Amino acid sequence: MSILFTLLLTAAPASATAMPEPNPAEMSAAEIRAHNKQLDRKDPYFIKCVREADTGSLVGRKPVCRTNERWAVLEKVQRAGADQLARDMTTNSHSSGN
């Protein structure tokens, strides 16, 4: 699983815009709003935040903010991991049955 996150972190931005990719982890909510005002919602550098459950907590939620581009890379990596797991399970179930 660490290989997937390494791919996510090292993926080169596909956008050809003049501005550097922002780092939402280093930005305040006000800075993110100001940044997003300049961009279309579909821009690769538009920052989208979601609230994810804290691990080990029933009620705790934390905001996770990423650019559209990073969300897309994360989805692609997770989908590839799920596909690989499904292939492995299918392959292993066929070979163990004989």
C-alpha atoms as a PDB file:
ATOM      1  CA  MET A   1       0.000   0.000   0.000  1.00  0.00           C
ATOM      2  CA  SER A   2       2.935   2.387   0.590  1.00  0.00           C
ATOM      3  CA  ILE A   3       3.811   2.129  -3.100  1.00  0.00           C
ATOM      4  CA  LEU A   4       0.395   3.557  -3.943  1.00  0.00           C
ATOM      5  CA  PHE A   5       0.931   6.552  -1.699  1.00  0.00           C
ATOM      6  CA  THR A   6       4.433   7.051  -3.107  1.00  0.00           C
ATOM      7  CA  LEU A   7       2.900   7.194  -6.587  1.00  0.00           C
ATOM      8  CA  LEU A   8       0.356   9.689  -5.343  1.00  0.00           C
ATOM      9  CA  LEU A   9       2.968  11.956  -3.805  1.00  0.00           C
ATOM     10  CA  THR A  10       5.386  11.816  -6.722  1.00  0.00           C
ATOM     11  CA  ALA A  11       2.847  12.158  -9.526  1.00  0.00           C
ATOM     12  CA  ALA A  12       3.737  15.118 -11.709  1.00  0.00           C
ATOM     13  CA  PRO A  13       1.020  17.720 -12.206  1.00  0.00           C
ATOM     14  CA  ALA A  14      -0.653  17.341 -15.607  1.00  0.00           C
ATOM     15  CA  SER A  15      -1.755  20.960 -15.733  1.00  0.00           C
ATOM     16  CA  ALA A  16       0.040  23.449 -17.919  1.00  0.00           C
ATOM     17  CA  THR A  17      -1.087  26.502 -15.939  1.00  0.00           C
ATOM     18  CA  ALA A  18       1.458  29.167 -15.025  1.00  0.00           C
ATOM     19  CA  MET A  19       0.865  28.995 -11.273  1.00  0.00           C
ATOM     20  CA  PRO A  20       2.584  26.368  -9.118  1.00  0.00           C
ATOM     21  CA  GLU A  21       0.406  23.708  -7.541  1.00  0.00           C
ATOM     22  CA  PRO A  22      -0.862  24.929  -4.159  1.00  0.00           C
ATOM     23  CA  ASN A  23      -0.362  22.924  -0.988  1.00  0.00           C
ATOM     24  CA  PRO A  24      -3.711  23.008   0.843  1.00  0.00           C
ATOM     25  CA  ALA A  25      -2.158  21.516   3.993  1.00  0.00           C
ATOM     26  CA  GLU A  26      -0.221  24.757   4.471  1.00  0.00           C
ATOM     27  CA  MET A  27      -3.169  27.051   3.761  1.00  0.00           C
ATOM     28  CA  SER A  28      -5.887  28.413   6.021  1.00  0.00           C
ATOM     29  CA  ALA A  29      -9.556  28.129   5.094  1.00  0.00           C
ATOM     30  CA  ALA A  30      -9.571  31.820   4.129  1.00  0.00           C
ATOM     31  CA  GLU A  31      -6.530  31.346   1.872  1.00  0.00           C
ATOM     32  CA  ILE A  32      -8.193  28.361   0.195  1.00  0.00           C
ATOM     33  CA  ARG A  33     -11.373  30.387  -0.433  1.00  0.00           C
ATOM     34  CA  ALA A  34      -9.328  33.288  -1.873  1.00  0.00           C
ATOM     35  CA  HIS A  35      -7.372  30.875  -4.077  1.00  0.00           C
ATOM     36  CA  ASN A  36     -10.553  29.178  -5.335  1.00  0.00           C
ATOM     37  CA  LYS A  37     -12.201  32.512  -6.234  1.00  0.00           C
ATOM     38  CA  GLN A  38      -9.665  32.877  -9.054  1.00  0.00           C
ATOM     39  CA  LEU A  39     -10.412  29.465 -10.558  1.00  0.00           C
ATOM     40  CA  ASP A  40     -13.176  27.504 -12.235  1.00  0.00           C
ATOM     41  CA  ARG A  41     -14.470  24.553 -10.163  1.00  0.00           C
ATOM     42  CA  LYS A  42     -13.107  22.137 -12.795  1.00  0.00           C
ATOM     43  CA  ASP A  43      -9.601  23.651 -12.815  1.00  0.00           C
ATOM     44  CA  PRO A  44      -6.926  21.094 -11.809  1.00  0.00           C
ATOM     45  CA  TYR A  45      -5.686  23.454  -9.058  1.00  0.00           C
ATOM     46  CA  PHE A  46      -9.133  24.181  -7.566  1.00  0.00           C
ATOM     47  CA  ILE A  47      -9.014  22.976  -3.957  1.00  0.00           C
ATOM     48  CA  LYS A  48     -11.827  20.719  -2.765  1.00  0.00           C
ATOM     49  CA  CYS A  49     -12.200  19.880   0.919  1.00  0.00           C
ATOM     50  CA  VAL A  50     -14.123  16.958   2.396  1.00  0.00           C
ATOM     51  CA  ARG A  51     -14.615  15.879   5.990  1.00  0.00           C
ATOM     52  CA  GLU A  52     -13.336  12.364   6.625  1.00  0.00           C
ATOM     53  CA  ALA A  53     -13.838  10.271   9.742  1.00  0.00           C
ATOM     54  CA  ASP A  54     -10.913  10.134  12.152  1.00  0.00           C
ATOM     55  CA  THR A  55      -9.575   6.618  12.520  1.00  0.00           C
ATOM     56  CA  GLY A  56     -10.630   5.181  15.867  1.00  0.00           C
ATOM     57  CA  SER A  57     -13.299   7.795  16.522  1.00  0.00           C
ATOM     58  CA  LEU A  58     -17.046   7.341  16.197  1.00  0.00           C
ATOM     59  CA  VAL A  59     -17.823  11.040  15.894  1.00  0.00           C
ATOM     60  CA  GLY A  60     -14.543  12.762  15.048  1.00  0.00           C
ATOM     61  CA  ARG A  61     -14.169  14.243  11.586  1.00  0.00           C
ATOM     62  CA  LYS A  62     -11.245  16.092  10.067  1.00  0.00           C
ATOM     63  CA  PRO A  63     -11.135  18.203   6.919  1.00  0.00           C
ATOM     64  CA  VAL A  64      -9.011  16.846   4.072  1.00  0.00           C
ATOM     65  CA  CYS A  65      -8.220  19.317   1.301  1.00  0.00           C
ATOM     66  CA  ARG A  66      -6.602  18.485  -2.040  1.00  0.00           C
ATOM     67  CA  THR A  67      -6.544  19.955  -5.507  1.00  0.00           C
ATOM     68  CA  ASN A  68      -8.837  18.423  -8.135  1.00  0.00           C
ATOM     69  CA  GLU A  69      -5.716  17.001  -9.742  1.00  0.00           C
ATOM     70  CA  ARG A  70      -4.585  15.259  -6.542  1.00  0.00           C
ATOM     71  CA  TRP A  71      -8.106  13.896  -5.921  1.00  0.00           C
ATOM     72  CA  ALA A  72      -8.040  12.432  -9.452  1.00  0.00           C
ATOM     73  CA  VAL A  73      -4.604  10.858  -8.905  1.00  0.00           C
ATOM     74  CA  LEU A  74      -5.748   9.410  -5.568  1.00  0.00           C
ATOM     75  CA  GLU A  75      -8.864   7.929  -7.166  1.00  0.00           C
ATOM     76  CA  LYS A  76      -6.785   6.427  -9.982  1.00  0.00           C
ATOM     77  CA  VAL A  77      -4.304   4.873  -7.536  1.00  0.00           C
ATOM     78  CA  GLN A  78      -7.062   3.491  -5.302  1.00  0.00           C
ATOM     79  CA  ARG A  79      -8.939   2.087  -8.297  1.00  0.00           C
ATOM     80  CA  ALA A  80      -5.746   0.396  -9.555  1.00  0.00           C
ATOM     81  CA  GLY A  81      -5.167  -1.098  -6.094  1.00  0.00           C
ATOM     82  CA  ALA A  82      -8.733  -2.405  -5.907  1.00  0.00           C
ATOM     83  CA  ASP A  83      -8.467  -3.863  -9.418  1.00  0.00           C
ATOM     84  CA  GLN A  84      -5.181  -5.558  -8.519  1.00  0.00           C
ATOM     85  CA  LEU A  85      -6.702  -6.987  -5.339  1.00  0.00           C
ATOM     86  CA  ALA A  86      -9.659  -8.339  -7.303  1.00  0.00           C
ATOM     87  CA  ARG A  87      -7.304  -9.928  -9.861  1.00  0.00           C
ATOM     88  CA  ASP A  88      -5.194 -11.457  -7.082  1.00  0.00           C
ATOM     89  CA  MET A  89      -8.236 -12.871  -5.330  1.00  0.00           C
ATOM     90  CA  THR A  90      -9.573 -14.320  -8.567  1.00  0.00           C
ATOM     91  CA  THR A  91      -6.196 -15.828  -9.499  1.00  0.00           C
ATOM     92  CA  ASN A  92      -5.618 -17.253  -6.024  1.00  0.00           C
ATOM     93  CA  SER A  93      -9.110 -18.730  -5.751  1.00  0.00           C
ATOM     94  CA  HIS A  94      -8.706 -20.585  -9.067  1.00  0.00           C
ATOM     95  CA  SER A  95      -5.285 -21.976  -8.200  1.00  0.00           C
ATOM     96  CA  SER A  96      -6.244 -23.046  -4.658  1.00  0.00           C
ATOM     97  CA  GLY A  97      -9.274 -25.001  -5.871  1.00  0.00           C
ATOM     98  CA  ASN A  98      -7.194 -27.606  -7.713  1.00  0.00           C
END
